[in-house]
Amino acid sequence: MKLNNKYYVLRHGEALSNVKNIVSCWPEKFENSLTKNGISQIKIVAQELRNKNINLVLASDLLRTKQTAEISGNILGIKPEYDKRLREIDFGILNGGLASDFEKYFKNYLERIDKATPEGENYKDVFKRVADFFKEINNKYKDKNILIISHQAPLFLLEGYMRGFSIEQTIENFPEEKMLRNGELRGLN
């Protein structure tokens, strides 16, 4: 796939859910805001972004990513735009519950391709929506520097899609230790 723009991805800063080891998606079950550490992480990253000539900030509409986008946007002088296709994977009935309960539901990452928690999404679902998002923005904009702010699962699946990987190849190429950490920025091309 020809990339018509320069893309950067940023995982939201540390949020309450990260500190409390809770999974959180839409609809948000509690005010899952950035922590003081998360705010600090994003202020530092946004300063790094100043020399990247960012033209557009696109983000998930969940609170922690909106706060990340607002901090970044204020420093860059850009009003963020929000897209629900960048939301965290839907944890279904486990939304707002312990991350350990979600982890126990799956034997491994490959199982997440087709299996979802009850009323939730699997990786195929997330891959499709981030691919739809990416195809749209890649066709809509030309020669822009675009910052995409989202969550761990959508971002690693998006990166795999942009590199032309299948979901299986994405999982193989992005084991957990290579996935974006809170407040981590990565250039994709």
C-alpha atoms as a PDB file:
ATOM      1  CA  MET A   1       0.000   0.000   0.000  1.00  0.00           C
ATOM      2  CA  LYS A   2       1.266   3.439  -0.924  1.00  0.00           C
ATOM      3  CA  LEU A   3       1.362   5.760   2.073  1.00  0.00           C
ATOM      4  CA  ASN A   4       0.285   9.259   1.036  1.00  0.00           C
ATOM      5  CA  ASN A   5       1.324  10.887   4.324  1.00  0.00           C
ATOM      6  CA  LYS A   6       3.875  10.623   7.122  1.00  0.00           C
ATOM      7  CA  TYR A   7       2.287   8.802  10.066  1.00  0.00           C
ATOM      8  CA  TYR A   8       3.071   8.849  13.765  1.00  0.00           C
ATOM      9  CA  VAL A   9       1.215   6.835  16.372  1.00  0.00           C
ATOM     10  CA  LEU A  10       1.023   7.646  20.056  1.00  0.00           C
ATOM     11  CA  ARG A  11      -0.452   5.502  22.780  1.00  0.00           C
ATOM     12  CA  HIS A  12      -2.286   7.539  25.396  1.00  0.00           C
ATOM     13  CA  GLY A  13      -0.438   8.429  28.565  1.00  0.00           C
ATOM     14  CA  GLU A  14      -0.726   6.406  31.743  1.00  0.00           C
ATOM     15  CA  ALA A  15      -4.358   6.358  32.884  1.00  0.00           C
ATOM     16  CA  LEU A  16      -6.114   5.260  36.069  1.00  0.00           C
ATOM     17  CA  SER A  17      -7.003   1.953  34.389  1.00  0.00           C
ATOM     18  CA  ASN A  18      -3.315   1.227  33.782  1.00  0.00           C
ATOM     19  CA  VAL A  19      -2.402   1.891  37.410  1.00  0.00           C
ATOM     20  CA  LYS A  20      -5.339  -0.147  38.733  1.00  0.00           C
ATOM     21  CA  ASN A  21      -4.951  -2.930  36.105  1.00  0.00           C
ATOM     22  CA  ILE A  22      -8.510  -2.501  34.865  1.00  0.00           C
ATOM     23  CA  VAL A  23      -9.687  -2.959  31.274  1.00  0.00           C
ATOM     24  CA  SER A  24     -11.644   0.014  29.999  1.00  0.00           C
ATOM     25  CA  CYS A  25     -13.419   0.594  26.692  1.00  0.00           C
ATOM     26  CA  TRP A  26     -16.619   2.195  25.397  1.00  0.00           C
ATOM     27  CA  PRO A  27     -18.917   2.863  27.175  1.00  0.00           C
ATOM     28  CA  GLU A  28     -16.594   4.106  29.865  1.00  0.00           C
ATOM     29  CA  LYS A  29     -17.623   2.685  33.242  1.00  0.00           C
ATOM     30  CA  PHE A  30     -15.695   5.285  35.265  1.00  0.00           C
ATOM     31  CA  GLU A  31     -13.786   8.524  34.719  1.00  0.00           C
ATOM     32  CA  ASN A  32     -10.630   6.964  33.352  1.00  0.00           C
ATOM     33  CA  SER A  33      -8.448  10.042  33.139  1.00  0.00           C
ATOM     34  CA  LEU A  34      -4.720  10.382  32.750  1.00  0.00           C
ATOM     35  CA  THR A  35      -2.668  10.221  35.932  1.00  0.00           C
ATOM     36  CA  LYS A  36      -0.199  12.979  36.835  1.00  0.00           C
ATOM     37  CA  ASN A  37       2.511  10.722  35.433  1.00  0.00           C
ATOM     38  CA  GLY A  38       0.457  10.253  32.231  1.00  0.00           C
ATOM     39  CA  ILE A  39       0.059  14.006  31.797  1.00  0.00           C
ATOM     40  CA  SER A  40       3.812  14.446  32.280  1.00  0.00           C
ATOM     41  CA  GLN A  41       4.562  11.679  29.737  1.00  0.00           C
ATOM     42  CA  ILE A  42       2.428  13.373  27.087  1.00  0.00           C
ATOM     43  CA  LYS A  43       3.843  16.852  27.714  1.00  0.00           C
ATOM     44  CA  ILE A  44       7.333  15.450  27.088  1.00  0.00           C
ATOM     45  CA  VAL A  45       6.264  13.578  23.932  1.00  0.00           C
ATOM     46  CA  ALA A  46       4.361  16.596  22.596  1.00  0.00           C
ATOM     47  CA  GLN A  47       7.551  18.656  22.859  1.00  0.00           C
ATOM     48  CA  GLU A  48       9.300  15.998  20.733  1.00  0.00           C
ATOM     49  CA  LEU A  49       6.478  16.329  18.192  1.00  0.00           C
ATOM     50  CA  ARG A  50       7.067  20.038  17.719  1.00  0.00           C
ATOM     51  CA  ASN A  51       9.837  19.360  15.193  1.00  0.00           C
ATOM     52  CA  LYS A  52       7.755  16.821  13.231  1.00  0.00           C
ATOM     53  CA  ASN A  53       5.560  19.470  11.557  1.00  0.00           C
ATOM     54  CA  ILE A  54       2.331  17.686  12.513  1.00  0.00           C
ATOM     55  CA  ASN A  55      -0.646  18.892  10.443  1.00  0.00           C
ATOM     56  CA  LEU A  56      -3.405  16.729  11.876  1.00  0.00           C
ATOM     57  CA  VAL A  57      -4.138  15.015  15.207  1.00  0.00           C
ATOM     58  CA  LEU A  58      -6.655  12.147  15.047  1.00  0.00           C
ATOM     59  CA  ALA A  59      -7.638  10.315  18.221  1.00  0.00           C
ATOM     60  CA  SER A  60      -9.964   7.861  19.889  1.00  0.00           C
ATOM     61  CA  ASP A  61     -12.861   9.535  21.682  1.00  0.00           C
ATOM     62  CA  LEU A  62     -12.254   7.839  25.046  1.00  0.00           C
ATOM     63  CA  LEU A  63     -11.323  10.179  27.909  1.00  0.00           C
ATOM     64  CA  ARG A  64      -7.663   9.158  28.258  1.00  0.00           C
ATOM     65  CA  THR A  65      -6.998   9.547  24.526  1.00  0.00           C
ATOM     66  CA  LYS A  66      -8.966  12.804  24.344  1.00  0.00           C
ATOM     67  CA  GLN A  67      -6.836  14.204  27.162  1.00  0.00           C
ATOM     68  CA  THR A  68      -3.683  12.991  25.399  1.00  0.00           C
ATOM     69  CA  ALA A  69      -4.869  14.630  22.148  1.00  0.00           C
ATOM     70  CA  GLU A  70      -5.783  17.894  23.892  1.00  0.00           C
ATOM     71  CA  ILE A  71      -2.371  18.182  25.580  1.00  0.00           C
ATOM     72  CA  SER A  72      -0.603  17.363  22.311  1.00  0.00           C
ATOM     73  CA  GLY A  73      -2.890  19.607  20.276  1.00  0.00           C
ATOM     74  CA  ASN A  74      -2.400  22.579  22.627  1.00  0.00           C
ATOM     75  CA  ILE A  75       1.378  22.296  22.406  1.00  0.00           C
ATOM     76  CA  LEU A  76       1.248  21.839  18.607  1.00  0.00           C
ATOM     77  CA  GLY A  77      -1.446  24.468  18.021  1.00  0.00           C
ATOM     78  CA  ILE A  78      -3.770  21.905  16.383  1.00  0.00           C
ATOM     79  CA  LYS A  79      -7.369  21.105  17.269  1.00  0.00           C
ATOM     80  CA  PRO A  80      -7.687  17.295  17.516  1.00  0.00           C
ATOM     81  CA  GLU A  81     -10.362  15.350  15.667  1.00  0.00           C
ATOM     82  CA  TYR A  82     -11.935  12.241  17.188  1.00  0.00           C
ATOM     83  CA  ASP A  83     -12.897   8.973  15.544  1.00  0.00           C
ATOM     84  CA  LYS A  84     -14.645   6.092  17.300  1.00  0.00           C
ATOM     85  CA  ARG A  85     -12.875   3.580  15.033  1.00  0.00           C
ATOM     86  CA  LEU A  86      -9.734   4.292  17.096  1.00  0.00           C
ATOM     87  CA  ARG A  87     -11.386   3.161  20.354  1.00  0.00           C
ATOM     88  CA  GLU A  88      -9.879   0.449  22.513  1.00  0.00           C
ATOM     89  CA  ILE A  89     -10.913  -3.133  21.817  1.00  0.00           C
ATOM     90  CA  ASP A  90     -14.389  -3.795  23.219  1.00  0.00           C
ATOM     91  CA  PHE A  91     -13.914  -5.918  26.335  1.00  0.00           C
ATOM     92  CA  GLY A  92     -17.628  -6.761  26.413  1.00  0.00           C
ATOM     93  CA  ILE A  93     -18.944  -7.905  29.763  1.00  0.00           C
ATOM     94  CA  LEU A  94     -15.443  -7.548  31.251  1.00  0.00           C
ATOM     95  CA  ASN A  95     -15.352  -3.772  30.604  1.00  0.00           C
ATOM     96  CA  GLY A  96     -14.417  -2.077  33.868  1.00  0.00           C
ATOM     97  CA  GLY A  97     -13.131  -5.346  35.328  1.00  0.00           C
ATOM     98  CA  LEU A  98      -9.694  -6.622  36.189  1.00  0.00           C
ATOM     99  CA  ALA A  99      -7.160  -7.000  33.398  1.00  0.00           C
ATOM    100  CA  SER A 100      -6.211 -10.379  34.865  1.00  0.00           C
ATOM    101  CA  ASP A 101      -9.771 -11.650  34.251  1.00  0.00           C
ATOM    102  CA  PHE A 102      -9.488 -10.587  30.607  1.00  0.00           C
ATOM    103  CA  GLU A 103      -6.056 -12.238  30.256  1.00  0.00           C
ATOM    104  CA  LYS A 104      -7.371 -15.517  31.730  1.00  0.00           C
ATOM    105  CA  TYR A 105     -10.045 -15.632  29.038  1.00  0.00           C
ATOM    106  CA  PHE A 106      -7.420 -16.358  26.341  1.00  0.00           C
ATOM    107  CA  LYS A 107      -4.651 -18.937  26.115  1.00  0.00           C
ATOM    108  CA  ASN A 108      -2.546 -16.689  23.866  1.00  0.00           C
ATOM    109  CA  TYR A 109      -2.694 -13.719  21.488  1.00  0.00           C
ATOM    110  CA  LEU A 110      -3.478 -15.908  18.458  1.00  0.00           C
ATOM    111  CA  GLU A 111      -6.696 -17.025  20.138  1.00  0.00           C
ATOM    112  CA  ARG A 112      -7.793 -13.375  20.229  1.00  0.00           C
ATOM    113  CA  ILE A 113      -8.022 -13.289  16.421  1.00  0.00           C
ATOM    114  CA  ASP A 114     -11.379 -15.087  16.358  1.00  0.00           C
ATOM    115  CA  LYS A 115     -12.384 -15.330  20.018  1.00  0.00           C
ATOM    116  CA  ALA A 116     -13.912 -12.417  21.928  1.00  0.00           C
ATOM    117  CA  THR A 117     -15.178 -12.010  25.438  1.00  0.00           C
ATOM    118  CA  PRO A 118     -19.004 -12.176  25.603  1.00  0.00           C
ATOM    119  CA  GLU A 119     -20.440  -9.048  23.911  1.00  0.00           C
ATOM    120  CA  GLY A 120     -16.907  -7.931  23.010  1.00  0.00           C
ATOM    121  CA  GLU A 121     -14.672  -7.733  19.957  1.00  0.00           C
ATOM    122  CA  ASN A 122     -11.965  -9.987  18.634  1.00  0.00           C
ATOM    123  CA  TYR A 123      -8.823  -8.872  16.778  1.00  0.00           C
ATOM    124  CA  LYS A 124     -10.528  -9.366  13.393  1.00  0.00           C
ATOM    125  CA  ASP A 125     -13.154  -6.795  14.416  1.00  0.00           C
ATOM    126  CA  VAL A 126     -10.553  -4.263  15.549  1.00  0.00           C
ATOM    127  CA  PHE A 127      -8.332  -4.903  12.516  1.00  0.00           C
ATOM    128  CA  LYS A 128     -11.266  -4.208  10.183  1.00  0.00           C
ATOM    129  CA  ARG A 129     -12.227  -0.924  11.822  1.00  0.00           C
ATOM    130  CA  VAL A 130      -8.681   0.448  12.029  1.00  0.00           C
ATOM    131  CA  ALA A 131      -8.059  -0.626   8.412  1.00  0.00           C
ATOM    132  CA  ASP A 132     -11.243   1.210   7.337  1.00  0.00           C
ATOM    133  CA  PHE A 133     -10.090   4.281   9.271  1.00  0.00           C
ATOM    134  CA  PHE A 134      -6.626   4.160   7.723  1.00  0.00           C
ATOM    135  CA  LYS A 135      -7.813   3.663   4.144  1.00  0.00           C
ATOM    136  CA  GLU A 136     -10.099   6.677   4.542  1.00  0.00           C
ATOM    137  CA  ILE A 137      -7.453   9.054   5.910  1.00  0.00           C
ATOM    138  CA  ASN A 138      -4.744   7.827   3.544  1.00  0.00           C
ATOM    139  CA  ASN A 139      -7.028   8.618   0.590  1.00  0.00           C
ATOM    140  CA  LYS A 140      -8.367  11.877   2.045  1.00  0.00           C
ATOM    141  CA  TYR A 141      -5.019  13.536   2.850  1.00  0.00           C
ATOM    142  CA  LYS A 142      -1.831  13.925   0.832  1.00  0.00           C
ATOM    143  CA  ASP A 143       1.641  14.948   1.995  1.00  0.00           C
ATOM    144  CA  LYS A 144       0.555  15.591   5.591  1.00  0.00           C
ATOM    145  CA  ASN A 145       2.222  14.674   8.879  1.00  0.00           C
ATOM    146  CA  ILE A 146      -0.500  12.884  10.835  1.00  0.00           C
ATOM    147  CA  LEU A 147      -0.493  11.950  14.510  1.00  0.00           C
ATOM    148  CA  ILE A 148      -2.833   9.083  15.454  1.00  0.00           C
ATOM    149  CA  ILE A 149      -3.579   8.677  19.169  1.00  0.00           C
ATOM    150  CA  SER A 150      -5.185   5.474  20.339  1.00  0.00           C
ATOM    151  CA  HIS A 151      -4.805   2.377  22.527  1.00  0.00           C
ATOM    152  CA  GLN A 152      -2.514  -0.648  22.558  1.00  0.00           C
ATOM    153  CA  ALA A 153      -4.621  -3.172  20.570  1.00  0.00           C
ATOM    154  CA  PRO A 154      -5.846  -0.789  17.842  1.00  0.00           C
ATOM    155  CA  LEU A 155      -2.370   0.697  17.387  1.00  0.00           C
ATOM    156  CA  PHE A 156      -0.468  -2.550  17.015  1.00  0.00           C
ATOM    157  CA  LEU A 157      -3.126  -3.894  14.630  1.00  0.00           C
ATOM    158  CA  LEU A 158      -3.037  -0.616  12.676  1.00  0.00           C
ATOM    159  CA  GLU A 159       0.738  -0.764  12.407  1.00  0.00           C
ATOM    160  CA  GLY A 160       0.539  -4.338  11.142  1.00  0.00           C
ATOM    161  CA  TYR A 161      -2.086  -3.369   8.570  1.00  0.00           C
ATOM    162  CA  MET A 162       0.014  -0.428   7.353  1.00  0.00           C
ATOM    163  CA  ARG A 163       2.992  -2.751   6.918  1.00  0.00           C
ATOM    164  CA  GLY A 164       0.872  -5.175   4.868  1.00  0.00           C
ATOM    165  CA  PHE A 165       0.825  -7.907   7.516  1.00  0.00           C
ATOM    166  CA  SER A 166      -2.013 -10.327   8.174  1.00  0.00           C
ATOM    167  CA  ILE A 167      -3.301 -10.406  11.759  1.00  0.00           C
ATOM    168  CA  GLU A 168      -1.203 -13.529  12.396  1.00  0.00           C
ATOM    169  CA  GLN A 169       1.921 -11.801  11.031  1.00  0.00           C
ATOM    170  CA  THR A 170       1.137  -8.726  13.116  1.00  0.00           C
ATOM    171  CA  ILE A 171       1.006 -10.819  16.293  1.00  0.00           C
ATOM    172  CA  GLU A 172       4.250 -12.548  15.303  1.00  0.00           C
ATOM    173  CA  ASN A 173       6.023  -9.252  14.557  1.00  0.00           C
ATOM    174  CA  PHE A 174       4.645  -7.386  17.573  1.00  0.00           C
ATOM    175  CA  PRO A 175       4.909  -9.578  20.629  1.00  0.00           C
ATOM    176  CA  GLU A 176       3.869  -7.827  23.820  1.00  0.00           C
ATOM    177  CA  GLU A 177       7.358  -6.448  24.463  1.00  0.00           C
ATOM    178  CA  LYS A 178       7.279  -4.619  21.087  1.00  0.00           C
ATOM    179  CA  MET A 179       3.814  -3.100  21.569  1.00  0.00           C
ATOM    180  CA  LEU A 180       3.593   0.595  22.385  1.00  0.00           C
ATOM    181  CA  ARG A 181       3.788   1.493  26.068  1.00  0.00           C
ATOM    182  CA  ASN A 182       1.788   4.321  27.619  1.00  0.00           C
ATOM    183  CA  GLY A 183       2.936   7.652  26.245  1.00  0.00           C
ATOM    184  CA  GLU A 184       5.160   6.044  23.603  1.00  0.00           C
ATOM    185  CA  LEU A 185       5.462   7.643  20.171  1.00  0.00           C
ATOM    186  CA  ARG A 186       6.431   5.761  17.026  1.00  0.00           C
ATOM    187  CA  GLY A 187       6.967   6.913  13.451  1.00  0.00           C
ATOM    188  CA  LEU A 188       5.534   4.425  10.997  1.00  0.00           C
ATOM    189  CA  ASN A 189       7.211   5.517   7.771  1.00  0.00           C
END
